[in-house]
Amino acid sequence: TNAHRDSVNLKIQRTGLDQLVDRIISSHDYREPKESQAFWDHLQR
């Protein structure tokens, strides 16, 4: 997701979404948006 971690955390608290998936990655973790090719490089590594 491109969502900021504060948004991610709010939505997790509200929905429990993190319990339904294996992992949640924010593009802010990599300092690159998903629109960037560098995001996918980071994600694949």
All heavy atoms as atom14 arrays in JSON, in Angstrom:
{
  "sequence": "TNAHRDSVNLKIQRTGLDQLVDRIISSHDYREPKESQAFWDHLQR",
  "atom14_mask": [
    [1, 1, 1, 1, 1, 1, 1, 0, 0, 0, 0, 0, 0, 0],
    [1, 1, 1, 1, 1, 1, 1, 1, 0, 0, 0, 0, 0, 0],
    [1, 1, 1, 1, 1, 0, 0, 0, 0, 0, 0, 0, 0, 0],
    [1, 1, 1, 1, 1, 1, 1, 1, 1, 1, 0, 0, 0, 0],
    [1, 1, 1, 1, 1, 1, 1, 1, 1, 1, 1, 0, 0, 0],
    [1, 1, 1, 1, 1, 1, 1, 1, 0, 0, 0, 0, 0, 0],
    [1, 1, 1, 1, 1, 1, 0, 0, 0, 0, 0, 0, 0, 0],
    [1, 1, 1, 1, 1, 1, 1, 0, 0, 0, 0, 0, 0, 0],
    [1, 1, 1, 1, 1, 1, 1, 1, 0, 0, 0, 0, 0, 0],
    [1, 1, 1, 1, 1, 1, 1, 1, 0, 0, 0, 0, 0, 0],
    [1, 1, 1, 1, 1, 1, 1, 1, 1, 0, 0, 0, 0, 0],
    [1, 1, 1, 1, 1, 1, 1, 1, 0, 0, 0, 0, 0, 0],
    [1, 1, 1, 1, 1, 1, 1, 1, 1, 0, 0, 0, 0, 0],
    [1, 1, 1, 1, 1, 1, 1, 1, 1, 1, 1, 0, 0, 0],
    [1, 1, 1, 1, 1, 1, 1, 0, 0, 0, 0, 0, 0, 0],
    [1, 1, 1, 1, 0, 0, 0, 0, 0, 0, 0, 0, 0, 0],
    [1, 1, 1, 1, 1, 1, 1, 1, 0, 0, 0, 0, 0, 0],
    [1, 1, 1, 1, 1, 1, 1, 1, 0, 0, 0, 0, 0, 0],
    [1, 1, 1, 1, 1, 1, 1, 1, 1, 0, 0, 0, 0, 0],
    [1, 1, 1, 1, 1, 1, 1, 1, 0, 0, 0, 0, 0, 0],
    [1, 1, 1, 1, 1, 1, 1, 0, 0, 0, 0, 0, 0, 0],
    [1, 1, 1, 1, 1, 1, 1, 1, 0, 0, 0, 0, 0, 0],
    [1, 1, 1, 1, 1, 1, 1, 1, 1, 1, 1, 0, 0, 0],
    [1, 1, 1, 1, 1, 1, 1, 1, 0, 0, 0, 0, 0, 0],
    [1, 1, 1, 1, 1, 1, 1, 1, 0, 0, 0, 0, 0, 0],
    [1, 1, 1, 1, 1, 1, 0, 0, 0, 0, 0, 0, 0, 0],
    [1, 1, 1, 1, 1, 1, 0, 0, 0, 0, 0, 0, 0, 0],
    [1, 1, 1, 1, 1, 1, 1, 1, 1, 1, 0, 0, 0, 0],
    [1, 1, 1, 1, 1, 1, 1, 1, 0, 0, 0, 0, 0, 0],
    [1, 1, 1, 1, 1, 1, 1, 1, 1, 1, 1, 1, 0, 0],
    [1, 1, 1, 1, 1, 1, 1, 1, 1, 1, 1, 0, 0, 0],
    [1, 1, 1, 1, 1, 1, 1, 1, 1, 0, 0, 0, 0, 0],
    [1, 1, 1, 1, 1, 1, 1, 0, 0, 0, 0, 0, 0, 0],
    [1, 1, 1, 1, 1, 1, 1, 1, 1, 0, 0, 0, 0, 0],
    [1, 1, 1, 1, 1, 1, 1, 1, 1, 0, 0, 0, 0, 0],
    [1, 1, 1, 1, 1, 1, 0, 0, 0, 0, 0, 0, 0, 0],
    [1, 1, 1, 1, 1, 1, 1, 1, 1, 0, 0, 0, 0, 0],
    [1, 1, 1, 1, 1, 0, 0, 0, 0, 0, 0, 0, 0, 0],
    [1, 1, 1, 1, 1, 1, 1, 1, 1, 1, 1, 0, 0, 0],
    [1, 1, 1, 1, 1, 1, 1, 1, 1, 1, 1, 1, 1, 1],
    [1, 1, 1, 1, 1, 1, 1, 1, 0, 0, 0, 0, 0, 0],
    [1, 1, 1, 1, 1, 1, 1, 1, 1, 1, 0, 0, 0, 0],
    [1, 1, 1, 1, 1, 1, 1, 1, 0, 0, 0, 0, 0, 0],
    [1, 1, 1, 1, 1, 1, 1, 1, 1, 0, 0, 0, 0, 0],
    [1, 1, 1, 1, 1, 1, 1, 1, 1, 1, 1, 0, 0, 0]
  ],
  "atom14_positions": [
    [[0.82, -1.2, 0.0], [0.0, 0.0, 0.0], [0.86, 1.25, 0.0], [1.96, 1.27, 0.56], [-0.93, 0.02, 1.23], [-1.68, 1.24, 1.25], [-0.15, -0.11, 2.54], [0.0, 0.0, 0.0], [0.0, 0.0, 0.0], [0.0, 0.0, 0.0], [0.0, 0.0, 0.0], [0.0, 0.0, 0.0], [0.0, 0.0, 0.0], [0.0, 0.0, 0.0]],
    [[0.35, 2.29, -0.64], [0.99, 3.61, -0.56], [0.59, 4.36, 0.7], [1.12, 5.45, 0.96], [0.62, 4.46, -1.78], [1.52, 4.2, -2.98], [2.71, 3.93, -2.83], [0.96, 4.3, -4.18], [0.0, 0.0, 0.0], [0.0, 0.0, 0.0], [0.0, 0.0, 0.0], [0.0, 0.0, 0.0], [0.0, 0.0, 0.0], [0.0, 0.0, 0.0]],
    [[-0.32, 3.81, 1.46], [-0.8, 4.51, 2.66], [0.32, 4.67, 3.68], [1.16, 3.78, 3.88], [-1.96, 3.75, 3.29], [0.0, 0.0, 0.0], [0.0, 0.0, 0.0], [0.0, 0.0, 0.0], [0.0, 0.0, 0.0], [0.0, 0.0, 0.0], [0.0, 0.0, 0.0], [0.0, 0.0, 0.0], [0.0, 0.0, 0.0], [0.0, 0.0, 0.0]],
    [[0.32, 5.82, 4.33], [1.25, 6.12, 5.43], [0.98, 5.15, 6.58], [-0.14, 4.68, 6.77], [1.01, 7.57, 5.88], [1.98, 8.09, 6.86], [1.83, 7.92, 8.22], [3.12, 8.82, 6.7], [2.83, 8.51, 8.86], [3.63, 9.07, 7.96], [0.0, 0.0, 0.0], [0.0, 0.0, 0.0], [0.0, 0.0, 0.0], [0.0, 0.0, 0.0]],
    [[2.02, 4.85, 7.34], [1.88, 3.88, 8.43], [0.81, 4.28, 9.45], [0.14, 3.41, 10.03], [3.22, 3.67, 9.14], [4.1, 2.63, 8.46], [3.57, 1.23, 8.63], [4.29, 0.24, 7.83], [3.94, -1.03, 7.73], [2.86, -1.48, 8.37], [4.62, -1.86, 6.99], [0.0, 0.0, 0.0], [0.0, 0.0, 0.0], [0.0, 0.0, 0.0]],
    [[0.62, 5.57, 9.69], [-0.43, 6.0, 10.62], [-1.81, 5.6, 10.09], [-2.69, 5.19, 10.87], [-0.37, 7.51, 10.84], [0.81, 7.94, 11.71], [1.38, 7.08, 12.39], [1.17, 9.13, 11.68], [0.0, 0.0, 0.0], [0.0, 0.0, 0.0], [0.0, 0.0, 0.0], [0.0, 0.0, 0.0], [0.0, 0.0, 0.0], [0.0, 0.0, 0.0]],
    [[-2.0, 5.71, 8.79], [-3.27, 5.29, 8.18], [-3.42, 3.78, 8.25], [-4.5, 3.26, 8.55], [-3.34, 5.75, 6.72], [-3.56, 7.13, 6.63], [0.0, 0.0, 0.0], [0.0, 0.0, 0.0], [0.0, 0.0, 0.0], [0.0, 0.0, 0.0], [0.0, 0.0, 0.0], [0.0, 0.0, 0.0], [0.0, 0.0, 0.0], [0.0, 0.0, 0.0]],
    [[-2.33, 3.09, 7.94], [-2.36, 1.62, 8.01], [-2.74, 1.16, 9.41], [-3.62, 0.29, 9.59], [-1.0, 1.03, 7.6], [-0.97, -0.48, 7.84], [-0.69, 1.34, 6.14], [0.0, 0.0, 0.0], [0.0, 0.0, 0.0], [0.0, 0.0, 0.0], [0.0, 0.0, 0.0], [0.0, 0.0, 0.0], [0.0, 0.0, 0.0], [0.0, 0.0, 0.0]],
    [[-2.12, 1.74, 10.41], [-2.39, 1.32, 11.8], [-3.83, 1.6, 12.2], [-4.46, 0.78, 12.89], [-1.43, 2.02, 12.75], [0.01, 1.54, 12.57], [0.24, 0.45, 12.06], [0.97, 2.35, 12.99], [0.0, 0.0, 0.0], [0.0, 0.0, 0.0], [0.0, 0.0, 0.0], [0.0, 0.0, 0.0], [0.0, 0.0, 0.0], [0.0, 0.0, 0.0]],
    [[-4.37, 2.75, 11.79], [-5.76, 3.06, 12.1], [-6.69, 2.02, 11.48], [-7.64, 1.55, 12.12], [-6.1, 4.46, 11.59], [-7.57, 4.89, 11.73], [-7.99, 4.91, 13.21], [-7.79, 6.26, 11.09], [0.0, 0.0, 0.0], [0.0, 0.0, 0.0], [0.0, 0.0, 0.0], [0.0, 0.0, 0.0], [0.0, 0.0, 0.0], [0.0, 0.0, 0.0]],
    [[-6.43, 1.66, 10.25], [-7.31, 0.71, 9.55], [-7.17, -0.7, 10.1], [-8.15, -1.45, 10.14], [-7.04, 0.79, 8.05], [-7.57, 2.1, 7.48], [-7.09, 2.41, 6.09], [-7.67, 3.77, 5.66], [-7.18, 4.21, 4.35], [0.0, 0.0, 0.0], [0.0, 0.0, 0.0], [0.0, 0.0, 0.0], [0.0, 0.0, 0.0], [0.0, 0.0, 0.0]],
    [[-5.98, -1.05, 10.55], [-5.79, -2.33, 11.22], [-6.6, -2.37, 12.51], [-7.3, -3.35, 12.81], [-4.29, -2.58, 11.51], [-3.55, -2.94, 10.23], [-4.12, -3.69, 12.55], [-2.05, -3.03, 10.4], [0.0, 0.0, 0.0], [0.0, 0.0, 0.0], [0.0, 0.0, 0.0], [0.0, 0.0, 0.0], [0.0, 0.0, 0.0], [0.0, 0.0, 0.0]],
    [[-6.51, -1.3, 13.29], [-7.27, -1.23, 14.55], [-8.76, -1.35, 14.3], [-9.5, -1.97, 15.09], [-6.96, 0.07, 15.27], [-5.54, 0.19, 15.79], [-5.18, 1.6, 16.21], [-6.04, 2.47, 16.35], [-3.88, 1.87, 16.39], [0.0, 0.0, 0.0], [0.0, 0.0, 0.0], [0.0, 0.0, 0.0], [0.0, 0.0, 0.0], [0.0, 0.0, 0.0]],
    [[-9.21, -0.77, 13.22], [-10.64, -0.74, 12.92], [-11.15, -2.06, 12.33], [-12.3, -2.45, 12.57], [-10.93, 0.4, 11.94], [-12.39, 0.71, 11.73], [-12.98, 1.43, 12.93], [-14.43, 1.59, 12.78], [-15.21, 2.18, 13.66], [-14.68, 2.68, 14.76], [-16.51, 2.28, 13.47], [0.0, 0.0, 0.0], [0.0, 0.0, 0.0], [0.0, 0.0, 0.0]],
    [[-10.31, -2.76, 11.56], [-10.79, -3.92, 10.79], [-10.15, -5.26, 11.17], [-10.71, -6.31, 10.85], [-10.53, -3.71, 9.29], [-9.11, -3.68, 9.06], [-11.16, -2.41, 8.81], [0.0, 0.0, 0.0], [0.0, 0.0, 0.0], [0.0, 0.0, 0.0], [0.0, 0.0, 0.0], [0.0, 0.0, 0.0], [0.0, 0.0, 0.0], [0.0, 0.0, 0.0]],
    [[-8.97, -5.23, 11.8], [-8.25, -6.47, 12.04], [-7.68, -7.07, 10.76], [-7.39, -8.27, 10.69], [0.0, 0.0, 0.0], [0.0, 0.0, 0.0], [0.0, 0.0, 0.0], [0.0, 0.0, 0.0], [0.0, 0.0, 0.0], [0.0, 0.0, 0.0], [0.0, 0.0, 0.0], [0.0, 0.0, 0.0], [0.0, 0.0, 0.0], [0.0, 0.0, 0.0]],
    [[-7.46, -6.23, 9.77], [-6.99, -6.69, 8.46], [-5.67, -7.45, 8.55], [-5.43, -8.39, 7.78], [-6.85, -5.48, 7.53], [-6.38, -5.73, 6.09], [-7.33, -6.68, 5.36], [-6.26, -4.41, 5.35], [0.0, 0.0, 0.0], [0.0, 0.0, 0.0], [0.0, 0.0, 0.0], [0.0, 0.0, 0.0], [0.0, 0.0, 0.0], [0.0, 0.0, 0.0]],
    [[-4.81, -7.06, 9.47], [-3.5, -7.7, 9.58], [-3.61, -9.18, 9.92], [-2.68, -9.96, 9.66], [-2.63, -6.98, 10.61], [-3.26, -6.95, 11.99], [-4.51, -6.8, 12.09], [-2.52, -7.07, 12.99], [0.0, 0.0, 0.0], [0.0, 0.0, 0.0], [0.0, 0.0, 0.0], [0.0, 0.0, 0.0], [0.0, 0.0, 0.0], [0.0, 0.0, 0.0]],
    [[-4.73, -9.6, 10.51], [-4.92, -11.01, 10.87], [-5.32, -11.86, 9.66], [-5.37, -13.1, 9.77], [-5.99, -11.12, 11.96], [-5.64, -10.36, 13.23], [-4.35, -10.82, 13.84], [-4.16, -12.01, 14.1], [-3.43, -9.87, 14.09], [0.0, 0.0, 0.0], [0.0, 0.0, 0.0], [0.0, 0.0, 0.0], [0.0, 0.0, 0.0], [0.0, 0.0, 0.0]],
    [[-5.6, -11.22, 8.54], [-6.09, -11.95, 7.36], [-5.05, -12.06, 6.26], [-5.33, -12.64, 5.21], [-7.33, -11.24, 6.8], [-8.54, -11.18, 7.74], [-9.65, -10.33, 7.12], [-9.05, -12.58, 8.04], [0.0, 0.0, 0.0], [0.0, 0.0, 0.0], [0.0, 0.0, 0.0], [0.0, 0.0, 0.0], [0.0, 0.0, 0.0], [0.0, 0.0, 0.0]],
    [[-3.86, -11.51, 6.49], [-2.8, -11.55, 5.49], [-1.49, -11.95, 6.15], [-1.39, -12.0, 7.38], [-2.63, -10.19, 4.76], [-3.88, -9.85, 3.97], [-2.28, -9.08, 5.75], [0.0, 0.0, 0.0], [0.0, 0.0, 0.0], [0.0, 0.0, 0.0], [0.0, 0.0, 0.0], [0.0, 0.0, 0.0], [0.0, 0.0, 0.0], [0.0, 0.0, 0.0]],
    [[-0.49, -12.24, 5.33], [0.81, -12.66, 5.86], [1.69, -11.48, 6.22], [2.54, -11.58, 7.12], [1.53, -13.53, 4.82], [0.76, -14.82, 4.55], [0.65, -15.64, 5.48], [0.26, -14.99, 3.42], [0.0, 0.0, 0.0], [0.0, 0.0, 0.0], [0.0, 0.0, 0.0], [0.0, 0.0, 0.0], [0.0, 0.0, 0.0], [0.0, 0.0, 0.0]],
    [[1.49, -10.35, 5.51], [2.36, -9.2, 5.77], [1.72, -7.94, 5.18], [0.99, -8.02, 4.19], [3.73, -9.43, 5.12], [4.78, -8.38, 5.49], [6.12, -8.69, 4.86], [7.12, -7.69, 5.22], [8.33, -7.6, 4.67], [8.68, -8.46, 3.74], [9.15, -6.64, 5.04], [0.0, 0.0, 0.0], [0.0, 0.0, 0.0], [0.0, 0.0, 0.0]],
    [[2.01, -6.8, 5.79], [1.58, -5.51, 5.25], [2.82, -4.64, 5.05], [3.56, -4.39, 6.0], [0.58, -4.79, 6.18], [-0.68, -5.64, 6.37], [0.23, -3.42, 5.63], [-1.69, -5.04, 7.33], [0.0, 0.0, 0.0], [0.0, 0.0, 0.0], [0.0, 0.0, 0.0], [0.0, 0.0, 0.0], [0.0, 0.0, 0.0], [0.0, 0.0, 0.0]],
    [[3.02, -4.19, 3.82], [4.16, -3.34, 3.47], [3.64, -1.99, 3.0], [2.78, -1.92, 2.12], [5.01, -3.99, 2.37], [5.66, -5.28, 2.91], [6.09, -3.02, 1.86], [6.32, -6.12, 1.84], [0.0, 0.0, 0.0], [0.0, 0.0, 0.0], [0.0, 0.0, 0.0], [0.0, 0.0, 0.0], [0.0, 0.0, 0.0], [0.0, 0.0, 0.0]],
    [[4.15, -0.92, 3.58], [3.85, 0.44, 3.12], [4.99, 0.92, 2.25], [6.17, 0.66, 2.54], [3.68, 1.38, 4.32], [3.71, 2.74, 3.91], [0.0, 0.0, 0.0], [0.0, 0.0, 0.0], [0.0, 0.0, 0.0], [0.0, 0.0, 0.0], [0.0, 0.0, 0.0], [0.0, 0.0, 0.0], [0.0, 0.0, 0.0], [0.0, 0.0, 0.0]],
    [[4.65, 1.64, 1.19], [5.69, 2.18, 0.32], [6.61, 3.13, 1.09], [7.76, 3.33, 0.69], [5.06, 2.9, -0.87], [4.24, 3.98, -0.45], [0.0, 0.0, 0.0], [0.0, 0.0, 0.0], [0.0, 0.0, 0.0], [0.0, 0.0, 0.0], [0.0, 0.0, 0.0], [0.0, 0.0, 0.0], [0.0, 0.0, 0.0], [0.0, 0.0, 0.0]],
    [[6.12, 3.68, 2.19], [6.96, 4.56, 3.02], [8.11, 3.77, 3.66], [9.14, 4.36, 4.0], [6.11, 5.25, 4.08], [5.06, 6.15, 3.5], [5.23, 7.51, 3.36], [3.84, 5.87, 2.97], [4.16, 8.04, 2.78], [3.3, 7.05, 2.55], [0.0, 0.0, 0.0], [0.0, 0.0, 0.0], [0.0, 0.0, 0.0], [0.0, 0.0, 0.0]],
    [[7.94, 2.45, 3.81], [9.02, 1.62, 4.33], [10.23, 1.67, 3.41], [11.37, 1.55, 3.85], [8.56, 0.17, 4.48], [7.38, 0.0, 5.41], [7.1, 0.92, 6.21], [6.71, -1.05, 5.32], [0.0, 0.0, 0.0], [0.0, 0.0, 0.0], [0.0, 0.0, 0.0], [0.0, 0.0, 0.0], [0.0, 0.0, 0.0], [0.0, 0.0, 0.0]],
    [[9.96, 1.8, 2.1], [11.03, 1.8, 1.09], [11.37, 3.2, 0.59], [12.25, 3.35, -0.25], [10.61, 0.95, -0.11], [10.28, -0.49, 0.2], [9.35, -1.18, -0.58], [10.89, -1.18, 1.24], [9.04, -2.5, -0.34], [10.58, -2.5, 1.5], [9.65, -3.17, 0.71], [9.34, -4.47, 0.96], [0.0, 0.0, 0.0], [0.0, 0.0, 0.0]],
    [[10.61, 4.19, 1.05], [10.77, 5.58, 0.59], [10.57, 5.72, -0.92], [11.17, 6.59, -1.56], [12.16, 6.12, 1.0], [12.4, 6.1, 2.5], [13.76, 6.69, 2.85], [14.02, 6.59, 4.29], [13.6, 7.45, 5.2], [12.87, 8.49, 4.84], [13.9, 7.29, 6.49], [0.0, 0.0, 0.0], [0.0, 0.0, 0.0], [0.0, 0.0, 0.0]],
    [[9.73, 4.88, -1.45], [9.39, 4.93, -2.88], [7.92, 4.58, -3.04], [7.45, 3.6, -2.47], [10.22, 3.93, -3.7], [11.72, 4.22, -3.75], [12.07, 5.36, -4.69], [11.17, 5.84, -5.42], [13.25, 5.74, -4.71], [0.0, 0.0, 0.0], [0.0, 0.0, 0.0], [0.0, 0.0, 0.0], [0.0, 0.0, 0.0], [0.0, 0.0, 0.0]],
    [[7.15, 5.34, -3.83], [5.75, 4.98, -4.08], [5.65, 3.8, -5.05], [6.61, 3.51, -5.79], [5.17, 6.25, -4.71], [6.34, 6.85, -5.44], [7.54, 6.56, -4.57], [0.0, 0.0, 0.0], [0.0, 0.0, 0.0], [0.0, 0.0, 0.0], [0.0, 0.0, 0.0], [0.0, 0.0, 0.0], [0.0, 0.0, 0.0], [0.0, 0.0, 0.0]],
    [[4.52, 3.16, -5.07], [4.33, 2.01, -5.97], [4.39, 2.4, -7.44], [4.62, 1.55, -8.3], [3.0, 1.33, -5.67], [2.94, 0.64, -4.31], [1.71, -0.23, -4.15], [0.44, 0.58, -4.1], [-0.77, -0.26, -3.92], [0.0, 0.0, 0.0], [0.0, 0.0, 0.0], [0.0, 0.0, 0.0], [0.0, 0.0, 0.0], [0.0, 0.0, 0.0]],
    [[4.19, 3.67, -7.73], [4.29, 4.14, -9.1], [5.74, 4.12, -9.61], [5.98, 4.22, -10.81], [3.74, 5.57, -9.21], [2.23, 5.68, -9.06], [1.77, 5.79, -7.62], [2.55, 5.46, -6.7], [0.62, 6.2, -7.39], [0.0, 0.0, 0.0], [0.0, 0.0, 0.0], [0.0, 0.0, 0.0], [0.0, 0.0, 0.0], [0.0, 0.0, 0.0]],
    [[6.68, 3.97, -8.7], [8.11, 3.97, -9.04], [8.61, 2.54, -9.27], [8.24, 1.61, -8.54], [8.9, 4.61, -7.9], [10.27, 4.34, -8.01], [0.0, 0.0, 0.0], [0.0, 0.0, 0.0], [0.0, 0.0, 0.0], [0.0, 0.0, 0.0], [0.0, 0.0, 0.0], [0.0, 0.0, 0.0], [0.0, 0.0, 0.0], [0.0, 0.0, 0.0]],
    [[9.47, 2.37, -10.26], [10.07, 1.06, -10.5], [10.93, 0.64, -9.31], [11.07, -0.56, -9.03], [10.93, 1.12, -11.77], [10.13, 1.36, -13.05], [9.27, 0.16, -13.42], [9.76, -0.81, -13.97], [7.97, 0.24, -13.12], [0.0, 0.0, 0.0], [0.0, 0.0, 0.0], [0.0, 0.0, 0.0], [0.0, 0.0, 0.0], [0.0, 0.0, 0.0]],
    [[11.5, 1.61, -8.61], [12.35, 1.28, -7.46], [11.57, 0.58, -6.36], [12.13, -0.22, -5.6], [13.02, 2.55, -6.92], [0.0, 0.0, 0.0], [0.0, 0.0, 0.0], [0.0, 0.0, 0.0], [0.0, 0.0, 0.0], [0.0, 0.0, 0.0], [0.0, 0.0, 0.0], [0.0, 0.0, 0.0], [0.0, 0.0, 0.0], [0.0, 0.0, 0.0]],
    [[10.26, 0.88, -6.24], [9.45, 0.2, -5.21], [9.48, -1.3, -5.43], [9.68, -2.08, -4.49], [8.0, 0.7, -5.24], [7.09, -0.12, -4.35], [6.98, 0.19, -3.01], [6.39, -1.21, -4.85], [6.16, -0.57, -2.17], [5.58, -1.97, -4.03], [5.47, -1.65, -2.68], [0.0, 0.0, 0.0], [0.0, 0.0, 0.0], [0.0, 0.0, 0.0]],
    [[9.27, -1.72, -6.68], [9.2, -3.16, -6.98], [10.56, -3.81, -6.8], [10.64, -4.99, -6.4], [8.63, -3.36, -8.37], [7.32, -2.66, -8.52], [7.07, -1.48, -9.19], [6.07, -3.04, -7.94], [5.76, -1.12, -9.06], [5.11, -2.05, -8.31], [5.66, -4.11, -7.15], [3.78, -2.11, -7.91], [4.33, -4.18, -6.76], [3.41, -3.19, -7.12]],
    [[11.64, -3.08, -7.09], [12.98, -3.6, -6.82], [13.15, -3.89, -5.33], [13.62, -4.96, -4.94], [14.05, -2.59, -7.26], [14.13, -2.4, -8.76], [13.74, -3.33, -9.5], [14.59, -1.32, -9.19], [0.0, 0.0, 0.0], [0.0, 0.0, 0.0], [0.0, 0.0, 0.0], [0.0, 0.0, 0.0], [0.0, 0.0, 0.0], [0.0, 0.0, 0.0]],
    [[12.77, -2.91, -4.5], [12.85, -3.09, -3.05], [12.0, -4.28, -2.6], [12.44, -5.11, -1.8], [12.35, -1.83, -2.33], [13.35, -0.73, -2.26], [14.48, -0.77, -1.47], [13.38, 0.48, -2.88], [15.17, 0.34, -1.6], [14.52, 1.13, -2.45], [0.0, 0.0, 0.0], [0.0, 0.0, 0.0], [0.0, 0.0, 0.0], [0.0, 0.0, 0.0]],
    [[10.78, -4.34, -3.12], [9.85, -5.39, -2.7], [10.37, -6.77, -3.06], [10.29, -7.71, -2.27], [8.48, -5.15, -3.34], [7.39, -6.16, -2.99], [7.04, -6.07, -1.51], [6.14, -5.93, -3.84], [0.0, 0.0, 0.0], [0.0, 0.0, 0.0], [0.0, 0.0, 0.0], [0.0, 0.0, 0.0], [0.0, 0.0, 0.0], [0.0, 0.0, 0.0]],
    [[10.92, -6.9, -4.27], [11.42, -8.2, -4.7], [12.6, -8.65, -3.84], [12.7, -9.82, -3.46], [11.81, -8.14, -6.18], [11.75, -9.49, -6.9], [12.94, -10.38, -6.57], [14.04, -9.88, -6.38], [12.71, -11.69, -6.5], [0.0, 0.0, 0.0], [0.0, 0.0, 0.0], [0.0, 0.0, 0.0], [0.0, 0.0, 0.0], [0.0, 0.0, 0.0]],
    [[13.49, -7.72, -3.51], [14.62, -8.06, -2.63], [14.13, -8.45, -1.24], [14.68, -9.35, -0.6], [15.6, -6.89, -2.53], [16.43, -6.65, -3.78], [17.59, -5.7, -3.5], [17.16, -4.37, -3.09], [16.95, -3.36, -3.94], [17.12, -3.54, -5.24], [16.56, -2.18, -3.48], [0.0, 0.0, 0.0], [0.0, 0.0, 0.0], [0.0, 0.0, 0.0]]
  ]
}
